PDB file of all heavy atoms in Angstrom:
ATOM      1  N   GLU A   1      63.913 -44.068 -59.171  1.00  0.00           N
ATOM      2  CA  GLU A   1      64.151 -45.064 -60.179  1.00  0.00           C
ATOM      3  C   GLU A   1      65.457 -45.863 -59.709  1.00  0.00           C
ATOM      4  O   GLU A   1      65.499 -46.966 -59.972  1.00  0.00           O
ATOM      5  CB  GLU A   1      64.361 -44.338 -61.543  1.00  0.00           C
ATOM      6  CG  GLU A   1      63.128 -43.840 -62.179  1.00  0.00           C
ATOM      7  CD  GLU A   1      62.236 -45.077 -62.391  1.00  0.00           C
ATOM      8  OE1 GLU A   1      62.658 -45.972 -63.328  1.00  0.00           O
ATOM      9  OE2 GLU A   1      61.170 -45.118 -62.005  1.00  0.00           O
ATOM     10  N   MET A   2      66.402 -45.149 -59.206  1.00  0.00           N
ATOM     11  CA  MET A   2      67.699 -45.899 -58.795  1.00  0.00           C
ATOM     12  C   MET A   2      67.408 -46.749 -57.660  1.00  0.00           C
ATOM     13  O   MET A   2      67.856 -47.910 -57.542  1.00  0.00           O
ATOM     14  CB  MET A   2      68.725 -44.859 -58.374  1.00  0.00           C
ATOM     15  CG  MET A   2      69.224 -43.989 -59.513  1.00  0.00           C
ATOM     16  SD  MET A   2      69.971 -45.080 -60.814  1.00  0.00           S
ATOM     17  CE  MET A   2      71.319 -45.753 -60.101  1.00  0.00           C
ATOM     18  N   ALA A   3      66.421 -46.489 -56.770  1.00  0.00           N
ATOM     19  CA  ALA A   3      66.227 -47.232 -55.635  1.00  0.00           C
ATOM     20  C   ALA A   3      65.351 -48.658 -56.076  1.00  0.00           C
ATOM     21  O   ALA A   3      65.560 -49.647 -55.485  1.00  0.00           O
ATOM     22  CB  ALA A   3      65.136 -46.553 -54.700  1.00  0.00           C
ATOM     23  N   ARG A   4      64.721 -48.446 -57.280  1.00  0.00           N
ATOM     24  CA  ARG A   4      64.044 -49.639 -57.792  1.00  0.00           C
ATOM     25  C   ARG A   4      65.090 -50.761 -58.255  1.00  0.00           C
ATOM     26  O   ARG A   4      64.836 -51.992 -58.147  1.00  0.00           O
ATOM     27  CB  ARG A   4      63.158 -49.233 -59.045  1.00  0.00           C
ATOM     28  CG  ARG A   4      62.400 -50.459 -59.721  1.00  0.00           C
ATOM     29  CD  ARG A   4      61.142 -49.877 -60.483  1.00  0.00           C
ATOM     30  NE  ARG A   4      61.648 -48.945 -61.547  1.00  0.00           N
ATOM     31  CZ  ARG A   4      62.183 -49.419 -62.700  1.00  0.00           C
ATOM     32  NH1 ARG A   4      62.332 -50.625 -62.951  1.00  0.00           N
ATOM     33  NH2 ARG A   4      62.577 -48.550 -63.747  1.00  0.00           N
ATOM     34  N   THR A   5      66.262 -50.182 -58.662  1.00  0.00           N
ATOM     35  CA  THR A   5      67.314 -51.133 -59.091  1.00  0.00           C
ATOM     36  C   THR A   5      67.850 -51.957 -57.825  1.00  0.00           C
ATOM     37  O   THR A   5      68.088 -53.134 -57.883  1.00  0.00           O
ATOM     38  CB  THR A   5      68.470 -50.370 -59.606  1.00  0.00           C
ATOM     39  OG1 THR A   5      68.095 -49.648 -60.746  1.00  0.00           O
ATOM     40  CG2 THR A   5      69.598 -51.268 -60.022  1.00  0.00           C
ATOM     41  N   GLY A   6      67.760 -51.214 -56.706  1.00  0.00           N
ATOM     42  CA  GLY A   6      68.285 -51.941 -55.500  1.00  0.00           C
ATOM     43  C   GLY A   6      67.260 -52.990 -55.016  1.00  0.00           C
ATOM     44  O   GLY A   6      67.600 -53.964 -54.478  1.00  0.00           O
ATOM     45  N   ARG A   7      66.002 -52.699 -55.343  1.00  0.00           N
ATOM     46  CA  ARG A   7      64.923 -53.783 -54.975  1.00  0.00           C
ATOM     47  C   ARG A   7      64.903 -54.906 -55.920  1.00  0.00           C
ATOM     48  O   ARG A   7      64.375 -55.940 -55.556  1.00  0.00           O
ATOM     49  CB  ARG A   7      63.620 -52.997 -54.896  1.00  0.00           C
ATOM     50  CG  ARG A   7      63.377 -51.989 -53.825  1.00  0.00           C
ATOM     51  CD  ARG A   7      61.971 -51.621 -53.648  1.00  0.00           C
ATOM     52  NE  ARG A   7      61.416 -50.969 -54.867  1.00  0.00           N
ATOM     53  CZ  ARG A   7      61.484 -49.608 -55.189  1.00  0.00           C
ATOM     54  NH1 ARG A   7      61.995 -48.845 -54.309  1.00  0.00           N
ATOM     55  NH2 ARG A   7      60.974 -49.305 -56.348  1.00  0.00           N
ATOM     56  N   THR A   8      65.400 -54.634 -57.085  1.00  0.00           N
ATOM     57  CA  THR A   8      65.417 -55.798 -58.166  1.00  0.00           C
ATOM     58  C   THR A   8      66.884 -56.019 -58.516  1.00  0.00           C
ATOM     59  O   THR A   8      67.120 -56.223 -59.774  1.00  0.00           O
ATOM     60  CB  THR A   8      64.505 -55.422 -59.338  1.00  0.00           C
ATOM     61  OG1 THR A   8      65.120 -54.225 -59.915  1.00  0.00           O
ATOM     62  CG2 THR A   8      63.148 -55.185 -58.930  1.00  0.00           C
ATOM     63  N   LEU A   9      67.753 -56.158 -57.606  1.00  0.00           N
ATOM     64  CA  LEU A   9      69.170 -56.384 -57.885  1.00  0.00           C
ATOM     65  C   LEU A   9      69.350 -57.535 -58.716  1.00  0.00           C
ATOM     66  O   LEU A   9      70.284 -57.507 -59.740  1.00  0.00           O
ATOM     67  CB  LEU A   9      69.894 -56.365 -56.558  1.00  0.00           C
ATOM     68  CG  LEU A   9      71.457 -56.064 -56.760  1.00  0.00           C
ATOM     69  CD1 LEU A   9      71.723 -54.794 -57.214  1.00  0.00           C
ATOM     70  CD2 LEU A   9      72.073 -56.366 -55.288  1.00  0.00           C
ATOM     71  N   MET A  10      68.826 -58.690 -58.472  1.00  0.00           N
ATOM     72  CA  MET A  10      68.998 -59.983 -59.141  1.00  0.00           C
ATOM     73  C   MET A  10      68.645 -59.743 -60.673  1.00  0.00           C
ATOM     74  O   MET A  10      69.383 -60.150 -61.498  1.00  0.00           O
ATOM     75  CB  MET A  10      68.083 -61.129 -58.580  1.00  0.00           C
ATOM     76  CG  MET A  10      68.418 -62.430 -59.186  1.00  0.00           C
ATOM     77  SD  MET A  10      70.131 -63.034 -58.907  1.00  0.00           S
ATOM     78  CE  MET A  10      70.022 -63.312 -57.172  1.00  0.00           C
ATOM     79  N   GLN A  11      67.552 -59.112 -61.028  1.00  0.00           N
ATOM     80  CA  GLN A  11      67.119 -58.990 -62.284  1.00  0.00           C
ATOM     81  C   GLN A  11      67.872 -57.805 -63.050  1.00  0.00           C
ATOM     82  O   GLN A  11      68.217 -57.953 -64.178  1.00  0.00           O
ATOM     83  CB  GLN A  11      65.673 -58.560 -62.339  1.00  0.00           C
ATOM     84  CG  GLN A  11      65.062 -58.274 -63.676  1.00  0.00           C
ATOM     85  CD  GLN A  11      63.608 -57.949 -63.644  1.00  0.00           C
ATOM     86  OE1 GLN A  11      62.957 -57.919 -62.652  1.00  0.00           O
ATOM     87  NE2 GLN A  11      63.073 -57.432 -64.800  1.00  0.00           N
ATOM     88  N   SER A  12      68.163 -56.697 -62.294  1.00  0.00           N
ATOM     89  CA  SER A  12      68.906 -55.525 -62.909  1.00  0.00           C
ATOM     90  C   SER A  12      70.277 -55.650 -63.232  1.00  0.00           C
ATOM     91  O   SER A  12      70.828 -55.133 -64.139  1.00  0.00           O
ATOM     92  CB  SER A  12      68.546 -54.363 -62.041  1.00  0.00           C
ATOM     93  OG  SER A  12      67.144 -54.091 -61.887  1.00  0.00           O
ATOM     94  N   ILE A  13      71.014 -56.218 -62.306  1.00  0.00           N
ATOM     95  CA  ILE A  13      72.468 -56.432 -62.318  1.00  0.00           C
ATOM     96  C   ILE A  13      72.964 -57.888 -62.396  1.00  0.00           C
ATOM     97  O   ILE A  13      73.768 -58.198 -63.328  1.00  0.00           O
ATOM     98  CB  ILE A  13      73.092 -55.762 -61.021  1.00  0.00           C
ATOM     99  CG1 ILE A  13      72.665 -54.190 -60.944  1.00  0.00           C
ATOM    100  CG2 ILE A  13      74.667 -55.906 -61.122  1.00  0.00           C
ATOM    101  CD1 ILE A  13      73.171 -53.425 -62.125  1.00  0.00           C
ATOM    102  N   VAL A  14      72.603 -58.650 -61.482  1.00  0.00           N
ATOM    103  CA  VAL A  14      73.239 -59.956 -61.328  1.00  0.00           C
ATOM    104  C   VAL A  14      72.849 -60.811 -62.646  1.00  0.00           C
ATOM    105  O   VAL A  14      73.703 -61.428 -63.230  1.00  0.00           O
ATOM    106  CB  VAL A  14      72.661 -60.782 -60.198  1.00  0.00           C
ATOM    107  CG1 VAL A  14      73.256 -62.222 -60.149  1.00  0.00           C
ATOM    108  CG2 VAL A  14      73.130 -60.065 -58.907  1.00  0.00           C
ATOM    109  N   SER A  15      71.654 -60.891 -63.169  1.00  0.00           N
ATOM    110  CA  SER A  15      71.323 -61.644 -64.260  1.00  0.00           C
ATOM    111  C   SER A  15      71.963 -61.158 -65.532  1.00  0.00           C
ATOM    112  O   SER A  15      72.536 -62.133 -66.242  1.00  0.00           O
ATOM    113  CB  SER A  15      69.699 -61.532 -64.436  1.00  0.00           C
ATOM    114  OG  SER A  15      69.289 -62.307 -65.608  1.00  0.00           O
ATOM    115  N   PRO A  16      72.088 -59.905 -65.900  1.00  0.00           N
ATOM    116  CA  PRO A  16      72.848 -59.461 -67.100  1.00  0.00           C
ATOM    117  C   PRO A  16      74.277 -59.822 -66.997  1.00  0.00           C
ATOM    118  O   PRO A  16      74.919 -60.256 -67.967  1.00  0.00           O
ATOM    119  CB  PRO A  16      72.596 -58.015 -67.178  1.00  0.00           C
ATOM    120  CG  PRO A  16      71.428 -57.721 -66.490  1.00  0.00           C
ATOM    121  CD  PRO A  16      71.425 -58.779 -65.370  1.00  0.00           C
ATOM    122  N   VAL A  17      74.950 -59.778 -65.815  1.00  0.00           N
ATOM    123  CA  VAL A  17      76.312 -60.105 -65.686  1.00  0.00           C
ATOM    124  C   VAL A  17      76.552 -61.505 -65.807  1.00  0.00           C
ATOM    125  O   VAL A  17      77.449 -62.030 -66.491  1.00  0.00           O
ATOM    126  CB  VAL A  17      76.802 -59.625 -64.273  1.00  0.00           C
ATOM    127  CG1 VAL A  17      78.236 -60.243 -64.050  1.00  0.00           C
ATOM    128  CG2 VAL A  17      76.824 -58.094 -64.172  1.00  0.00           C
ATOM    129  N   ILE A  18      75.677 -62.461 -65.302  1.00  0.00           N
ATOM    130  CA  ILE A  18      75.853 -63.866 -65.440  1.00  0.00           C
ATOM    131  C   ILE A  18      75.648 -64.285 -66.850  1.00  0.00           C
ATOM    132  O   ILE A  18      76.450 -65.135 -67.408  1.00  0.00           O
ATOM    133  CB  ILE A  18      74.770 -64.669 -64.592  1.00  0.00           C
ATOM    134  CG1 ILE A  18      75.034 -64.454 -63.055  1.00  0.00           C
ATOM    135  CG2 ILE A  18      74.777 -66.131 -64.948  1.00  0.00           C
ATOM    136  CD1 ILE A  18      74.008 -65.029 -62.106  1.00  0.00           C
ATOM    137  N   SER A  19      74.622 -63.641 -67.620  1.00  0.00           N
ATOM    138  CA  SER A  19      74.463 -63.960 -68.929  1.00  0.00           C
ATOM    139  C   SER A  19      75.599 -63.651 -69.863  1.00  0.00           C
ATOM    140  O   SER A  19      76.100 -64.382 -70.687  1.00  0.00           O
ATOM    141  CB  SER A  19      73.342 -63.286 -69.503  1.00  0.00           C
ATOM    142  OG  SER A  19      72.032 -63.560 -68.813  1.00  0.00           O
ATOM    143  N   THR A  20      76.198 -62.523 -69.588  1.00  0.00           N
ATOM    144  CA  THR A  20      77.334 -62.019 -70.351  1.00  0.00           C
ATOM    145  C   THR A  20      78.609 -62.987 -70.031  1.00  0.00           C
ATOM    146  O   THR A  20      79.377 -63.238 -70.869  1.00  0.00           O
ATOM    147  CB  THR A  20      77.786 -60.601 -70.046  1.00  0.00           C
ATOM    148  OG1 THR A  20      76.576 -59.739 -70.166  1.00  0.00           O
ATOM    149  CG2 THR A  20      78.870 -60.129 -70.920  1.00  0.00           C
ATOM    150  N   SER A  21      78.784 -63.337 -68.658  1.00  0.00           N
ATOM    151  CA  SER A  21      79.749 -64.181 -68.320  1.00  0.00           C
ATOM    152  C   SER A  21      79.656 -65.579 -69.110  1.00  0.00           C
ATOM    153  O   SER A  21      80.709 -66.090 -69.529  1.00  0.00           O
ATOM    154  CB  SER A  21      79.853 -64.511 -66.829  1.00  0.00           C
ATOM    155  OG  SER A  21      79.929 -63.238 -66.183  1.00  0.00           O
ATOM    156  N   LEU A  22      78.545 -66.033 -69.392  1.00  0.00           N
ATOM    157  CA  LEU A  22      78.223 -67.166 -70.133  1.00  0.00           C
ATOM    158  C   LEU A  22      78.779 -67.096 -71.519  1.00  0.00           C
ATOM    159  O   LEU A  22      79.374 -67.940 -72.149  1.00  0.00           O
ATOM    160  CB  LEU A  22      76.865 -67.702 -70.028  1.00  0.00           C
ATOM    161  CG  LEU A  22      76.282 -68.167 -68.707  1.00  0.00           C
ATOM    162  CD1 LEU A  22      74.776 -68.516 -68.816  1.00  0.00           C
ATOM    163  CD2 LEU A  22      77.035 -69.456 -68.315  1.00  0.00           C
ATOM    164  N   TYR A  23      78.568 -65.841 -72.138  1.00  0.00           N
ATOM    165  CA  TYR A  23      79.031 -65.667 -73.453  1.00  0.00           C
ATOM    166  C   TYR A  23      80.664 -65.681 -73.374  1.00  0.00           C
ATOM    167  O   TYR A  23      81.266 -66.250 -74.369  1.00  0.00           O
ATOM    168  CB  TYR A  23      78.628 -64.179 -73.860  1.00  0.00           C
ATOM    169  CG  TYR A  23      77.181 -64.100 -74.510  1.00  0.00           C
ATOM    170  CD1 TYR A  23      76.303 -63.307 -73.904  1.00  0.00           C
ATOM    171  CD2 TYR A  23      76.808 -64.890 -75.532  1.00  0.00           C
ATOM    172  CE1 TYR A  23      75.031 -63.280 -74.341  1.00  0.00           C
ATOM    173  CE2 TYR A  23      75.627 -64.745 -76.089  1.00  0.00           C
ATOM    174  CZ  TYR A  23      74.706 -64.011 -75.540  1.00  0.00           C
ATOM    175  OH  TYR A  23      73.333 -63.783 -75.941  1.00  0.00           O
ATOM    176  N   PHE A  24      81.185 -65.140 -72.388  1.00  0.00           N
ATOM    177  CA  PHE A  24      82.752 -65.150 -72.370  1.00  0.00           C
ATOM    178  C   PHE A  24      83.206 -66.622 -72.208  1.00  0.00           C
ATOM    179  O   PHE A  24      84.158 -66.987 -73.016  1.00  0.00           O
ATOM    180  CB  PHE A  24      83.274 -64.367 -71.123  1.00  0.00           C
ATOM    181  CG  PHE A  24      83.141 -62.954 -71.265  1.00  0.00           C
ATOM    182  CD1 PHE A  24      82.476 -62.157 -70.411  1.00  0.00           C
ATOM    183  CD2 PHE A  24      83.803 -62.322 -72.356  1.00  0.00           C
ATOM    184  CE1 PHE A  24      82.445 -60.877 -70.545  1.00  0.00           C
ATOM    185  CE2 PHE A  24      83.779 -60.915 -72.487  1.00  0.00           C
ATOM    186  CZ  PHE A  24      83.029 -60.176 -71.475  1.00  0.00           C
ATOM    187  N   ILE A  25      82.452 -67.355 -71.578  1.00  0.00           N
ATOM    188  CA  ILE A  25      82.811 -68.837 -71.346  1.00  0.00           C
ATOM    189  C   ILE A  25      82.763 -69.622 -72.537  1.00  0.00           C
ATOM    190  O   ILE A  25      83.628 -70.353 -73.087  1.00  0.00           O
ATOM    191  CB  ILE A  25      81.997 -69.501 -70.180  1.00  0.00           C
ATOM    192  CG1 ILE A  25      82.395 -68.814 -68.833  1.00  0.00           C
ATOM    193  CG2 ILE A  25      82.325 -70.949 -70.134  1.00  0.00           C
ATOM    194  CD1 ILE A  25      81.587 -69.305 -67.741  1.00  0.00           C
ATOM    195  N   VAL A  26      81.530 -69.448 -73.256  1.00  0.00           N
ATOM    196  CA  VAL A  26      81.282 -70.292 -74.407  1.00  0.00           C
ATOM    197  C   VAL A  26      82.101 -69.677 -75.602  1.00  0.00           C
ATOM    198  O   VAL A  26      82.782 -70.571 -76.377  1.00  0.00           O
ATOM    199  CB  VAL A  26      79.679 -70.172 -74.800  1.00  0.00           C
ATOM    200  CG1 VAL A  26      79.470 -70.881 -76.102  1.00  0.00           C
ATOM    201  CG2 VAL A  26      79.011 -70.834 -73.676  1.00  0.00           C
ATOM    202  N   PHE A  27      82.036 -68.379 -75.915  1.00  0.00           N
ATOM    203  CA  PHE A  27      82.783 -67.890 -77.146  1.00  0.00           C
ATOM    204  C   PHE A  27      84.149 -67.710 -76.801  1.00  0.00           C
ATOM    205  O   PHE A  27      84.978 -67.889 -77.695  1.00  0.00           O
ATOM    206  CB  PHE A  27      82.027 -66.511 -77.499  1.00  0.00           C
ATOM    207  CG  PHE A  27      80.721 -66.778 -78.230  1.00  0.00           C
ATOM    208  CD1 PHE A  27      79.492 -66.711 -77.457  1.00  0.00           C
ATOM    209  CD2 PHE A  27      80.499 -67.055 -79.509  1.00  0.00           C
ATOM    210  CE1 PHE A  27      78.276 -67.018 -77.943  1.00  0.00           C
ATOM    211  CE2 PHE A  27      79.270 -67.256 -80.195  1.00  0.00           C
ATOM    212  CZ  PHE A  27      78.120 -67.203 -79.357  1.00  0.00           C
ATOM    213  N   GLY A  28      84.482 -67.129 -75.682  1.00  0.00           N
ATOM    214  CA  GLY A  28      85.861 -66.761 -75.429  1.00  0.00           C
ATOM    215  C   GLY A  28      86.778 -67.920 -75.114  1.00  0.00           C
ATOM    216  O   GLY A  28      87.906 -68.053 -75.685  1.00  0.00           O
ATOM    217  N   ALA A  29      86.239 -68.831 -74.335  1.00  0.00           N
ATOM    218  CA  ALA A  29      87.121 -69.913 -73.945  1.00  0.00           C
ATOM    219  C   ALA A  29      86.917 -71.088 -74.825  1.00  0.00           C
ATOM    220  O   ALA A  29      87.785 -71.652 -75.521  1.00  0.00           O
ATOM    221  CB  ALA A  29      86.768 -70.339 -72.489  1.00  0.00           C
ATOM    222  N   ALA A  30      85.614 -71.757 -74.892  1.00  0.00           N
ATOM    223  CA  ALA A  30      85.391 -72.917 -75.756  1.00  0.00           C
ATOM    224  C   ALA A  30      85.757 -72.639 -77.242  1.00  0.00           C
ATOM    225  O   ALA A  30      86.464 -73.407 -77.823  1.00  0.00           O
ATOM    226  CB  ALA A  30      84.044 -73.305 -75.527  1.00  0.00           C
ATOM    227  N   ILE A  31      85.046 -71.554 -77.838  1.00  0.00           N
ATOM    228  CA  ILE A  31      85.167 -71.409 -79.301  1.00  0.00           C
ATOM    229  C   ILE A  31      86.410 -70.533 -79.626  1.00  0.00           C
ATOM    230  O   ILE A  31      87.040 -70.866 -80.521  1.00  0.00           O
ATOM    231  CB  ILE A  31      83.943 -70.695 -79.841  1.00  0.00           C
ATOM    232  CG1 ILE A  31      82.682 -71.528 -79.662  1.00  0.00           C
ATOM    233  CG2 ILE A  31      84.200 -70.335 -81.301  1.00  0.00           C
ATOM    234  CD1 ILE A  31      81.390 -70.853 -80.092  1.00  0.00           C
ATOM    235  N   GLY A  32      86.744 -69.614 -78.613  1.00  0.00           N
ATOM    236  CA  GLY A  32      87.813 -68.777 -78.971  1.00  0.00           C
ATOM    237  C   GLY A  32      89.171 -69.531 -78.929  1.00  0.00           C
ATOM    238  O   GLY A  32      90.114 -69.154 -79.796  1.00  0.00           O
ATOM    239  N   SER A  33      89.305 -70.571 -78.199  1.00  0.00           N
ATOM    240  CA  SER A  33      90.507 -71.387 -78.269  1.00  0.00           C
ATOM    241  C   SER A  33      90.813 -72.016 -79.510  1.00  0.00           C
ATOM    242  O   SER A  33      91.945 -72.364 -80.003  1.00  0.00           O
ATOM    243  CB  SER A  33      90.481 -72.431 -77.140  1.00  0.00           C
ATOM    244  OG  SER A  33      89.458 -73.391 -77.434  1.00  0.00           O
ATOM    245  N   ARG A  34      89.765 -72.099 -80.399  1.00  0.00           N
ATOM    246  CA  ARG A  34      89.853 -72.670 -81.803  1.00  0.00           C
ATOM    247  C   ARG A  34      90.024 -71.690 -82.833  1.00  0.00           C
ATOM    248  O   ARG A  34      90.172 -72.073 -84.055  1.00  0.00           O
ATOM    249  CB  ARG A  34      88.684 -73.662 -81.998  1.00  0.00           C
ATOM    250  CG  ARG A  34      88.617 -74.837 -81.003  1.00  0.00           C
ATOM    251  CD  ARG A  34      87.285 -75.512 -81.199  1.00  0.00           C
ATOM    252  NE  ARG A  34      87.176 -76.585 -80.048  1.00  0.00           N
ATOM    253  CZ  ARG A  34      87.266 -77.803 -80.395  1.00  0.00           C
ATOM    254  NH1 ARG A  34      87.510 -78.297 -81.585  1.00  0.00           N
ATOM    255  NH2 ARG A  34      87.201 -78.692 -79.363  1.00  0.00           N
ATOM    256  N   ILE A  35      89.922 -70.410 -82.458  1.00  0.00           N
ATOM    257  CA  ILE A  35      89.970 -69.364 -83.435  1.00  0.00           C
ATOM    258  C   ILE A  35      91.218 -68.549 -83.378  1.00  0.00           C
ATOM    259  O   ILE A  35      91.664 -68.103 -82.248  1.00  0.00           O
ATOM    260  CB  ILE A  35      88.789 -68.365 -83.341  1.00  0.00           C
ATOM    261  CG1 ILE A  35      87.452 -69.183 -83.486  1.00  0.00           C
ATOM    262  CG2 ILE A  35      88.807 -67.204 -84.360  1.00  0.00           C
ATOM    263  CD1 ILE A  35      86.213 -68.324 -83.249  1.00  0.00           C
ATOM    264  N   PRO A  36      91.897 -68.395 -84.504  1.00  0.00           N
ATOM    265  CA  PRO A  36      93.167 -67.521 -84.381  1.00  0.00           C
ATOM    266  C   PRO A  36      92.871 -66.161 -84.023  1.00  0.00           C
ATOM    267  O   PRO A  36      91.711 -65.642 -83.969  1.00  0.00           O
ATOM    268  CB  PRO A  36      93.721 -67.629 -85.896  1.00  0.00           C
ATOM    269  CG  PRO A  36      92.507 -67.875 -86.678  1.00  0.00           C
ATOM    270  CD  PRO A  36      91.556 -68.665 -85.884  1.00  0.00           C
ATOM    271  N   GLN A  37      93.997 -65.379 -83.650  1.00  0.00           N
ATOM    272  CA  GLN A  37      93.787 -64.086 -83.214  1.00  0.00           C
ATOM    273  C   GLN A  37      93.094 -63.228 -84.281  1.00  0.00           C
ATOM    274  O   GLN A  37      93.390 -63.423 -85.456  1.00  0.00           O
ATOM    275  CB  GLN A  37      95.194 -63.516 -82.754  1.00  0.00           C
ATOM    276  CG  GLN A  37      95.759 -64.181 -81.595  1.00  0.00           C
ATOM    277  CD  GLN A  37      97.108 -63.481 -81.225  1.00  0.00           C
ATOM    278  OE1 GLN A  37      97.670 -62.689 -81.925  1.00  0.00           O
ATOM    279  NE2 GLN A  37      97.457 -63.660 -79.907  1.00  0.00           N
ATOM    280  N   SER A  38      92.371 -62.126 -83.801  1.00  0.00           N
ATOM    281  CA  SER A  38      91.837 -61.269 -84.734  1.00  0.00           C
ATOM    282  C   SER A  38      92.520 -59.926 -84.547  1.00  0.00           C
ATOM    283  O   SER A  38      92.576 -59.260 -83.557  1.00  0.00           O
ATOM    284  CB  SER A  38      90.353 -61.018 -84.454  1.00  0.00           C
ATOM    285  OG  SER A  38      89.755 -60.106 -85.252  1.00  0.00           O
ATOM    286  N   HIS A  39      93.373 -59.446 -85.811  1.00  0.00           N
ATOM    287  CA  HIS A  39      94.010 -58.178 -85.646  1.00  0.00           C
ATOM    288  C   HIS A  39      95.075 -58.317 -84.557  1.00  0.00           C
ATOM    289  O   HIS A  39      95.370 -57.225 -83.972  1.00  0.00           O
ATOM    290  CB  HIS A  39      93.145 -56.984 -85.529  1.00  0.00           C
ATOM    291  CG  HIS A  39      92.046 -56.805 -86.652  1.00  0.00           C
ATOM    292  ND1 HIS A  39      92.450 -56.397 -87.897  1.00  0.00           N
ATOM    293  CD2 HIS A  39      90.832 -57.208 -86.757  1.00  0.00           C
ATOM    294  CE1 HIS A  39      91.326 -56.315 -88.631  1.00  0.00           C
ATOM    295  NE2 HIS A  39      90.451 -56.914 -87.955  1.00  0.00           N
ATOM    296  N   GLY A  40      95.627 -59.391 -84.363  1.00  0.00           N
ATOM    297  CA  GLY A  40      96.690 -59.494 -83.190  1.00  0.00           C
ATOM    298  C   GLY A  40      96.191 -59.526 -81.749  1.00  0.00           C
ATOM    299  O   GLY A  40      96.926 -59.494 -80.926  1.00  0.00           O
ATOM    300  N   ILE A  41      94.803 -59.675 -81.628  1.00  0.00           N
ATOM    301  CA  ILE A  41      94.212 -59.693 -80.375  1.00  0.00           C
ATOM    302  C   ILE A  41      93.497 -61.057 -80.195  1.00  0.00           C
ATOM    303  O   ILE A  41      92.917 -61.573 -81.107  1.00  0.00           O
ATOM    304  CB  ILE A  41      93.150 -58.628 -80.304  1.00  0.00           C
ATOM    305  CG1 ILE A  41      93.783 -57.234 -80.417  1.00  0.00           C
ATOM    306  CG2 ILE A  41      92.505 -58.557 -78.794  1.00  0.00           C
ATOM    307  CD1 ILE A  41      92.837 -56.115 -80.629  1.00  0.00           C
ATOM    308  N   SER A  42      93.602 -61.634 -78.998  1.00  0.00           N
ATOM    309  CA  SER A  42      92.860 -62.902 -78.681  1.00  0.00           C
ATOM    310  C   SER A  42      91.490 -62.763 -79.006  1.00  0.00           C
ATOM    311  O   SER A  42      90.835 -61.695 -78.705  1.00  0.00           O
ATOM    312  CB  SER A  42      93.172 -63.399 -77.269  1.00  0.00           C
ATOM    313  OG  SER A  42      92.625 -62.604 -76.387  1.00  0.00           O
TER     314      SER A  42
END
């Protein structure tokens, strides 16, 4: 099962990381810059 991850590295690892990075860019940078801190945390 672990070897199957190596054969599908783009789908198993790269794609989820890119998708999550887009969330950080959109929500964290674009929208987050307009939202005040939450509980003292950016």
